[in-house]
Amino acid sequence: MTFVGMNYLAVVVAALAGFGVGAVWYTAFGKAWLGALGKTEDDIKCGGGIARTLPFVIALVADLVMAIMLAGLMGHLGGLSVKNGLISALFVWVGFVITTMGVNHAFSGAKPSLTVIDGGHWLAVLLVMGAIIGAFGL
């Protein structure tokens, strides 16, 4: 995979926007998400320092990697546009994200509502990233 000509500003903006989507998503669905996990707010807030910060760092790095890979994929498919970004994002989500989550959640015994909440989050993240990368172009 070549990254020549990739619009790195678009990638960074897409990653930050994806991180922002997560903040909004889990603010809106936080109580339902905790219920699907079988946890309370106190369970999540236990600990401090690195234990509390690390998930956010991992999420930001993961969003950056995801934006880079989506931009690389879109670049190889050609014709960057918002429409093509949305289509690429949807295909990635259906083909790789929700299928993997569905299998993992089924074997781990997770509630279907957890798959819906987390899967919806990743769909929203990918759609926003695809639209941004498509709008910026190469």
N, C-alpha and C. Protein backbone atom coordinates (compact mmCIF):
# COMPACT_ATOMS: atom_id res chain seq x y z
N MET A 1 0.85 -1.17 0.00
CA MET A 1 0.00 0.00 0.00
C MET A 1 0.89 1.23 0.00
N THR A 2 0.66 2.11 -0.92
CA THR A 2 1.45 3.33 -1.00
C THR A 2 0.69 4.47 -0.35
N PHE A 3 1.41 5.32 0.32
CA PHE A 3 0.79 6.46 0.98
C PHE A 3 1.23 7.77 0.33
N VAL A 4 1.83 7.68 -0.86
CA VAL A 4 2.27 8.86 -1.57
C VAL A 4 1.05 9.68 -1.95
N GLY A 5 1.10 10.96 -1.67
CA GLY A 5 0.00 11.83 -2.03
C GLY A 5 -1.17 11.83 -1.06
N MET A 6 -1.05 11.10 0.03
CA MET A 6 -2.14 11.09 1.01
C MET A 6 -2.24 12.46 1.66
N ASN A 7 -3.45 12.92 1.86
CA ASN A 7 -3.67 14.20 2.51
C ASN A 7 -3.63 13.98 4.03
N TYR A 8 -2.47 14.26 4.61
CA TYR A 8 -2.30 13.99 6.04
C TYR A 8 -3.14 14.92 6.92
N LEU A 9 -3.41 16.12 6.44
CA LEU A 9 -4.29 17.01 7.19
C LEU A 9 -5.69 16.39 7.27
N ALA A 10 -6.16 15.85 6.16
CA ALA A 10 -7.47 15.19 6.15
C ALA A 10 -7.49 14.02 7.13
N VAL A 11 -6.40 13.27 7.17
CA VAL A 11 -6.31 12.11 8.07
C VAL A 11 -6.38 12.55 9.53
N VAL A 12 -5.63 13.59 9.87
CA VAL A 12 -5.63 14.07 11.26
C VAL A 12 -7.00 14.64 11.63
N VAL A 13 -7.58 15.43 10.74
CA VAL A 13 -8.92 15.98 11.01
C VAL A 13 -9.94 14.85 11.15
N ALA A 14 -9.85 13.85 10.28
CA ALA A 14 -10.77 12.71 10.35
C ALA A 14 -10.60 11.95 11.66
N ALA A 15 -9.36 11.75 12.08
CA ALA A 15 -9.11 11.03 13.34
C ALA A 15 -9.66 11.81 14.53
N LEU A 16 -9.42 13.10 14.56
CA LEU A 16 -9.93 13.92 15.66
C LEU A 16 -11.46 13.96 15.65
N ALA A 17 -12.03 14.03 14.46
CA ALA A 17 -13.49 14.02 14.36
C ALA A 17 -14.05 12.68 14.82
N GLY A 18 -13.37 11.59 14.47
CA GLY A 18 -13.79 10.27 14.92
C GLY A 18 -13.75 10.16 16.44
N PHE A 19 -12.71 10.73 17.04
CA PHE A 19 -12.60 10.74 18.49
C PHE A 19 -13.75 11.55 19.09
N GLY A 20 -14.07 12.67 18.45
CA GLY A 20 -15.19 13.50 18.90
C GLY A 20 -16.52 12.78 18.80
N VAL A 21 -16.69 12.01 17.73
CA VAL A 21 -17.91 11.20 17.57
C VAL A 21 -18.05 10.25 18.76
N GLY A 22 -16.94 9.64 19.15
CA GLY A 22 -16.97 8.73 20.30
C GLY A 22 -17.40 9.44 21.57
N ALA A 23 -16.90 10.66 21.77
CA ALA A 23 -17.27 11.42 22.97
C ALA A 23 -18.77 11.71 22.98
N VAL A 24 -19.28 12.15 21.85
CA VAL A 24 -20.71 12.46 21.75
C VAL A 24 -21.55 11.18 21.88
N TRP A 25 -21.12 10.12 21.18
CA TRP A 25 -21.86 8.86 21.16
C TRP A 25 -22.02 8.28 22.56
N TYR A 26 -20.90 8.18 23.26
CA TYR A 26 -20.96 7.54 24.57
C TYR A 26 -21.48 8.47 25.66
N THR A 27 -21.53 9.78 25.39
CA THR A 27 -22.26 10.67 26.29
C THR A 27 -23.75 10.40 26.13
N ALA A 28 -24.18 10.24 24.89
CA ALA A 28 -25.61 10.00 24.62
C ALA A 28 -26.05 8.61 25.05
N PHE A 29 -25.20 7.61 24.82
CA PHE A 29 -25.59 6.22 25.08
C PHE A 29 -24.85 5.61 26.28
N GLY A 30 -24.23 6.44 27.09
CA GLY A 30 -23.40 5.95 28.19
C GLY A 30 -24.12 5.05 29.18
N LYS A 31 -25.31 5.44 29.58
CA LYS A 31 -26.05 4.62 30.56
C LYS A 31 -26.46 3.28 29.96
N ALA A 32 -26.93 3.31 28.72
CA ALA A 32 -27.31 2.06 28.05
C ALA A 32 -26.07 1.18 27.83
N TRP A 33 -24.95 1.80 27.49
CA TRP A 33 -23.70 1.07 27.28
C TRP A 33 -23.25 0.40 28.57
N LEU A 34 -23.29 1.15 29.68
CA LEU A 34 -22.92 0.57 30.97
C LEU A 34 -23.85 -0.59 31.32
N GLY A 35 -25.14 -0.42 31.06
CA GLY A 35 -26.09 -1.50 31.32
C GLY A 35 -25.79 -2.74 30.49
N ALA A 36 -25.42 -2.52 29.23
CA ALA A 36 -25.08 -3.65 28.36
C ALA A 36 -23.81 -4.35 28.82
N LEU A 37 -22.91 -3.58 29.42
CA LEU A 37 -21.68 -4.16 29.97
C LEU A 37 -21.91 -4.82 31.33
N GLY A 38 -23.01 -4.44 31.98
CA GLY A 38 -23.25 -4.94 33.33
C GLY A 38 -22.37 -4.23 34.35
N LYS A 39 -22.07 -2.96 34.09
CA LYS A 39 -21.21 -2.18 34.98
C LYS A 39 -21.93 -0.92 35.42
N THR A 40 -21.35 -0.28 36.42
CA THR A 40 -21.85 1.00 36.89
C THR A 40 -20.81 2.08 36.59
N GLU A 41 -21.21 3.34 36.77
CA GLU A 41 -20.26 4.43 36.58
C GLU A 41 -19.09 4.30 37.54
N ASP A 42 -19.36 3.85 38.75
CA ASP A 42 -18.29 3.67 39.73
C ASP A 42 -17.29 2.61 39.28
N ASP A 43 -17.77 1.55 38.64
CA ASP A 43 -16.87 0.52 38.12
C ASP A 43 -15.90 1.11 37.10
N ILE A 44 -16.40 1.98 36.26
CA ILE A 44 -15.59 2.57 35.19
C ILE A 44 -14.63 3.62 35.74
N LYS A 45 -15.06 4.35 36.76
CA LYS A 45 -14.25 5.44 37.29
C LYS A 45 -13.21 5.00 38.30
N CYS A 46 -13.19 3.72 38.65
CA CYS A 46 -12.20 3.23 39.62
C CYS A 46 -10.80 3.43 39.07
N GLY A 47 -9.93 3.78 39.95
CA GLY A 47 -8.54 4.00 39.55
C GLY A 47 -8.35 5.43 39.09
N GLY A 48 -7.12 5.76 38.86
CA GLY A 48 -6.80 7.10 38.41
C GLY A 48 -5.54 7.06 37.59
N GLY A 49 -5.04 8.21 37.26
CA GLY A 49 -3.80 8.31 36.52
C GLY A 49 -3.86 7.59 35.19
N ILE A 50 -2.85 6.77 34.94
CA ILE A 50 -2.71 6.09 33.65
C ILE A 50 -3.87 5.13 33.38
N ALA A 51 -4.39 4.49 34.41
CA ALA A 51 -5.49 3.54 34.23
C ALA A 51 -6.73 4.24 33.68
N ARG A 52 -6.90 5.48 34.03
CA ARG A 52 -8.07 6.23 33.56
C ARG A 52 -7.81 6.91 32.22
N THR A 53 -6.55 7.26 31.96
CA THR A 53 -6.18 7.97 30.74
C THR A 53 -5.92 7.03 29.58
N LEU A 54 -5.37 5.86 29.84
CA LEU A 54 -4.94 4.95 28.79
C LEU A 54 -6.02 4.61 27.76
N PRO A 55 -7.26 4.33 28.16
CA PRO A 55 -8.27 4.03 27.13
C PRO A 55 -8.48 5.17 26.13
N PHE A 56 -8.36 6.41 26.59
CA PHE A 56 -8.53 7.55 25.69
C PHE A 56 -7.35 7.68 24.73
N VAL A 57 -6.15 7.40 25.23
CA VAL A 57 -4.96 7.42 24.37
C VAL A 57 -5.07 6.32 23.32
N ILE A 58 -5.46 5.13 23.74
CA ILE A 58 -5.62 4.02 22.80
C ILE A 58 -6.68 4.36 21.76
N ALA A 59 -7.79 4.96 22.19
CA ALA A 59 -8.86 5.33 21.26
C ALA A 59 -8.37 6.34 20.23
N LEU A 60 -7.61 7.33 20.67
CA LEU A 60 -7.10 8.35 19.74
C LEU A 60 -6.12 7.74 18.74
N VAL A 61 -5.23 6.90 19.22
CA VAL A 61 -4.27 6.23 18.31
C VAL A 61 -5.02 5.32 17.34
N ALA A 62 -6.01 4.58 17.84
CA ALA A 62 -6.79 3.70 16.97
C ALA A 62 -7.54 4.51 15.91
N ASP A 63 -8.10 5.65 16.29
CA ASP A 63 -8.78 6.51 15.32
C ASP A 63 -7.81 7.01 14.26
N LEU A 64 -6.60 7.34 14.66
CA LEU A 64 -5.59 7.80 13.70
C LEU A 64 -5.22 6.68 12.73
N VAL A 65 -4.98 5.49 13.25
CA VAL A 65 -4.66 4.35 12.38
C VAL A 65 -5.83 4.06 11.44
N MET A 66 -7.04 4.11 11.96
CA MET A 66 -8.22 3.85 11.15
C MET A 66 -8.34 4.88 10.02
N ALA A 67 -8.11 6.15 10.34
CA ALA A 67 -8.20 7.20 9.32
C ALA A 67 -7.12 7.02 8.25
N ILE A 68 -5.92 6.64 8.66
CA ILE A 68 -4.84 6.40 7.70
C ILE A 68 -5.21 5.25 6.77
N MET A 69 -5.68 4.16 7.33
CA MET A 69 -6.03 3.00 6.52
C MET A 69 -7.22 3.29 5.60
N LEU A 70 -8.21 4.00 6.10
CA LEU A 70 -9.36 4.35 5.26
C LEU A 70 -8.92 5.27 4.12
N ALA A 71 -8.06 6.24 4.41
CA ALA A 71 -7.56 7.13 3.36
C ALA A 71 -6.74 6.35 2.34
N GLY A 72 -5.92 5.42 2.80
CA GLY A 72 -5.14 4.59 1.88
C GLY A 72 -6.04 3.75 0.99
N LEU A 73 -7.06 3.16 1.58
CA LEU A 73 -8.01 2.36 0.81
C LEU A 73 -8.75 3.22 -0.21
N MET A 74 -9.23 4.37 0.24
CA MET A 74 -9.96 5.26 -0.66
C MET A 74 -9.07 5.75 -1.79
N GLY A 75 -7.80 6.01 -1.48
CA GLY A 75 -6.85 6.45 -2.51
C GLY A 75 -6.65 5.40 -3.57
N HIS A 76 -6.64 4.15 -3.18
CA HIS A 76 -6.47 3.06 -4.13
C HIS A 76 -7.73 2.83 -4.96
N LEU A 77 -8.87 3.16 -4.41
CA LEU A 77 -10.11 2.98 -5.15
C LEU A 77 -10.33 4.12 -6.15
N GLY A 78 -9.68 5.26 -5.90
CA GLY A 78 -9.76 6.40 -6.82
C GLY A 78 -11.04 7.20 -6.65
N GLY A 79 -11.02 8.38 -7.25
CA GLY A 79 -12.21 9.23 -7.26
C GLY A 79 -12.68 9.65 -5.89
N LEU A 80 -11.83 10.35 -5.14
CA LEU A 80 -12.22 10.76 -3.79
C LEU A 80 -13.34 11.80 -3.84
N SER A 81 -14.38 11.51 -3.10
CA SER A 81 -15.50 12.43 -2.93
C SER A 81 -16.18 12.06 -1.62
N VAL A 82 -17.05 12.93 -1.17
CA VAL A 82 -17.79 12.62 0.06
C VAL A 82 -18.61 11.35 -0.15
N LYS A 83 -19.27 11.24 -1.30
CA LYS A 83 -20.08 10.05 -1.58
C LYS A 83 -19.23 8.79 -1.55
N ASN A 84 -18.09 8.79 -2.23
CA ASN A 84 -17.23 7.61 -2.24
C ASN A 84 -16.65 7.33 -0.85
N GLY A 85 -16.41 8.38 -0.08
CA GLY A 85 -15.94 8.19 1.29
C GLY A 85 -16.98 7.50 2.15
N LEU A 86 -18.23 7.90 1.99
CA LEU A 86 -19.32 7.28 2.75
C LEU A 86 -19.52 5.82 2.33
N ILE A 87 -19.45 5.57 1.03
CA ILE A 87 -19.62 4.19 0.54
C ILE A 87 -18.47 3.31 1.03
N SER A 88 -17.24 3.82 0.93
CA SER A 88 -16.08 3.05 1.40
C SER A 88 -16.19 2.75 2.89
N ALA A 89 -16.60 3.75 3.65
CA ALA A 89 -16.74 3.58 5.10
C ALA A 89 -17.79 2.52 5.41
N LEU A 90 -18.91 2.56 4.71
CA LEU A 90 -19.97 1.58 4.94
C LEU A 90 -19.49 0.17 4.60
N PHE A 91 -18.77 0.02 3.49
CA PHE A 91 -18.26 -1.29 3.11
C PHE A 91 -17.26 -1.82 4.14
N VAL A 92 -16.38 -0.96 4.62
CA VAL A 92 -15.41 -1.38 5.65
C VAL A 92 -16.15 -1.81 6.91
N TRP A 93 -17.15 -1.04 7.30
CA TRP A 93 -17.90 -1.36 8.51
C TRP A 93 -18.62 -2.70 8.37
N VAL A 94 -19.34 -2.89 7.26
CA VAL A 94 -20.08 -4.13 7.06
C VAL A 94 -19.14 -5.31 6.91
N GLY A 95 -18.07 -5.14 6.14
CA GLY A 95 -17.18 -6.24 5.83
C GLY A 95 -16.23 -6.64 6.94
N PHE A 96 -15.84 -5.69 7.78
CA PHE A 96 -14.80 -5.98 8.76
C PHE A 96 -15.19 -5.66 10.21
N VAL A 97 -15.84 -4.55 10.42
CA VAL A 97 -16.06 -4.09 11.80
C VAL A 97 -17.22 -4.83 12.46
N ILE A 98 -18.42 -4.70 11.92
CA ILE A 98 -19.57 -5.28 12.60
C ILE A 98 -19.54 -6.80 12.56
N THR A 99 -18.96 -7.37 11.50
CA THR A 99 -18.85 -8.83 11.45
C THR A 99 -17.92 -9.34 12.54
N THR A 100 -16.79 -8.69 12.70
CA THR A 100 -15.83 -9.08 13.75
C THR A 100 -16.43 -8.88 15.13
N MET A 101 -17.06 -7.73 15.33
CA MET A 101 -17.68 -7.47 16.63
C MET A 101 -18.77 -8.49 16.92
N GLY A 102 -19.58 -8.80 15.92
CA GLY A 102 -20.66 -9.77 16.12
C GLY A 102 -20.14 -11.12 16.57
N VAL A 103 -19.07 -11.59 15.92
CA VAL A 103 -18.48 -12.88 16.31
C VAL A 103 -17.91 -12.79 17.73
N ASN A 104 -17.10 -11.76 17.99
CA ASN A 104 -16.48 -11.63 19.32
C ASN A 104 -17.53 -11.52 20.42
N HIS A 105 -18.55 -10.71 20.18
CA HIS A 105 -19.58 -10.53 21.20
C HIS A 105 -20.41 -11.80 21.39
N ALA A 106 -20.65 -12.53 20.30
CA ALA A 106 -21.41 -13.78 20.43
C ALA A 106 -20.66 -14.80 21.28
N PHE A 107 -19.37 -14.95 21.02
CA PHE A 107 -18.58 -15.92 21.79
C PHE A 107 -18.32 -15.48 23.23
N SER A 108 -18.30 -14.17 23.46
CA SER A 108 -18.04 -13.69 24.82
C SER A 108 -19.31 -13.59 25.65
N GLY A 109 -20.45 -13.82 25.01
CA GLY A 109 -21.71 -13.76 25.74
C GLY A 109 -22.20 -12.35 25.98
N ALA A 110 -21.69 -11.39 25.23
CA ALA A 110 -22.12 -10.00 25.40
C ALA A 110 -23.58 -9.85 24.98
N LYS A 111 -24.24 -8.91 25.59
CA LYS A 111 -25.63 -8.63 25.24
C LYS A 111 -25.69 -8.06 23.82
N PRO A 112 -26.72 -8.40 23.06
CA PRO A 112 -26.86 -7.83 21.71
C PRO A 112 -26.89 -6.30 21.72
N SER A 113 -27.40 -5.72 22.80
CA SER A 113 -27.44 -4.25 22.88
C SER A 113 -26.04 -3.65 22.88
N LEU A 114 -25.06 -4.38 23.43
CA LEU A 114 -23.68 -3.89 23.40
C LEU A 114 -23.17 -3.85 21.96
N THR A 115 -23.48 -4.88 21.19
CA THR A 115 -23.07 -4.91 19.79
C THR A 115 -23.72 -3.77 19.02
N VAL A 116 -24.98 -3.49 19.29
CA VAL A 116 -25.68 -2.41 18.60
C VAL A 116 -25.06 -1.06 18.97
N ILE A 117 -24.81 -0.83 20.25
CA ILE A 117 -24.26 0.45 20.69
C ILE A 117 -22.84 0.64 20.15
N ASP A 118 -21.97 -0.34 20.38
CA ASP A 118 -20.59 -0.22 19.92
C ASP A 118 -20.50 -0.23 18.39
N GLY A 119 -21.29 -1.10 17.76
CA GLY A 119 -21.28 -1.15 16.30
C GLY A 119 -21.78 0.14 15.68
N GLY A 120 -22.80 0.72 16.27
CA GLY A 120 -23.30 2.02 15.79
C GLY A 120 -22.25 3.10 15.92
N HIS A 121 -21.51 3.06 17.02
CA HIS A 121 -20.43 4.02 17.22
C HIS A 121 -19.41 3.93 16.09
N TRP A 122 -18.96 2.70 15.79
CA TRP A 122 -17.94 2.55 14.75
C TRP A 122 -18.48 2.89 13.37
N LEU A 123 -19.76 2.65 13.13
CA LEU A 123 -20.35 3.07 11.86
C LEU A 123 -20.32 4.59 11.75
N ALA A 124 -20.73 5.27 12.80
CA ALA A 124 -20.71 6.74 12.79
C ALA A 124 -19.29 7.27 12.61
N VAL A 125 -18.33 6.68 13.31
CA VAL A 125 -16.93 7.11 13.19
C VAL A 125 -16.45 6.95 11.75
N LEU A 126 -16.66 5.78 11.18
CA LEU A 126 -16.19 5.54 9.81
C LEU A 126 -16.88 6.44 8.80
N LEU A 127 -18.17 6.67 8.95
CA LEU A 127 -18.88 7.55 8.02
C LEU A 127 -18.35 8.97 8.09
N VAL A 128 -18.11 9.47 9.30
CA VAL A 128 -17.56 10.82 9.45
C VAL A 128 -16.16 10.88 8.85
N MET A 129 -15.33 9.89 9.14
CA MET A 129 -13.98 9.86 8.58
C MET A 129 -14.02 9.81 7.06
N GLY A 130 -14.84 8.93 6.51
CA GLY A 130 -14.93 8.81 5.06
C GLY A 130 -15.38 10.10 4.40
N ALA A 131 -16.36 10.76 5.00
CA ALA A 131 -16.85 12.02 4.45
C ALA A 131 -15.76 13.09 4.49
N ILE A 132 -15.03 13.17 5.59
CA ILE A 132 -13.97 14.17 5.72
C ILE A 132 -12.85 13.90 4.74
N ILE A 133 -12.39 12.67 4.68
CA ILE A 133 -11.29 12.33 3.76
C ILE A 133 -11.74 12.57 2.32
N GLY A 134 -12.96 12.20 2.00
CA GLY A 134 -13.48 12.43 0.65
C GLY A 134 -13.61 13.91 0.33
N ALA A 135 -14.02 14.72 1.31
CA ALA A 135 -14.16 16.16 1.09
C ALA A 135 -12.81 16.83 0.88
N PHE A 136 -11.80 16.41 1.63
CA PHE A 136 -10.47 16.99 1.50
C PHE A 136 -9.80 16.57 0.20
N GLY A 137 -10.04 15.33 -0.22
CA GLY A 137 -9.35 14.80 -1.40
C GLY A 137 -7.90 14.48 -1.08
N LEU A 138 -7.15 14.13 -2.13
CA LEU A 138 -5.73 13.77 -1.92
C LEU A 138 -4.86 14.97 -1.79
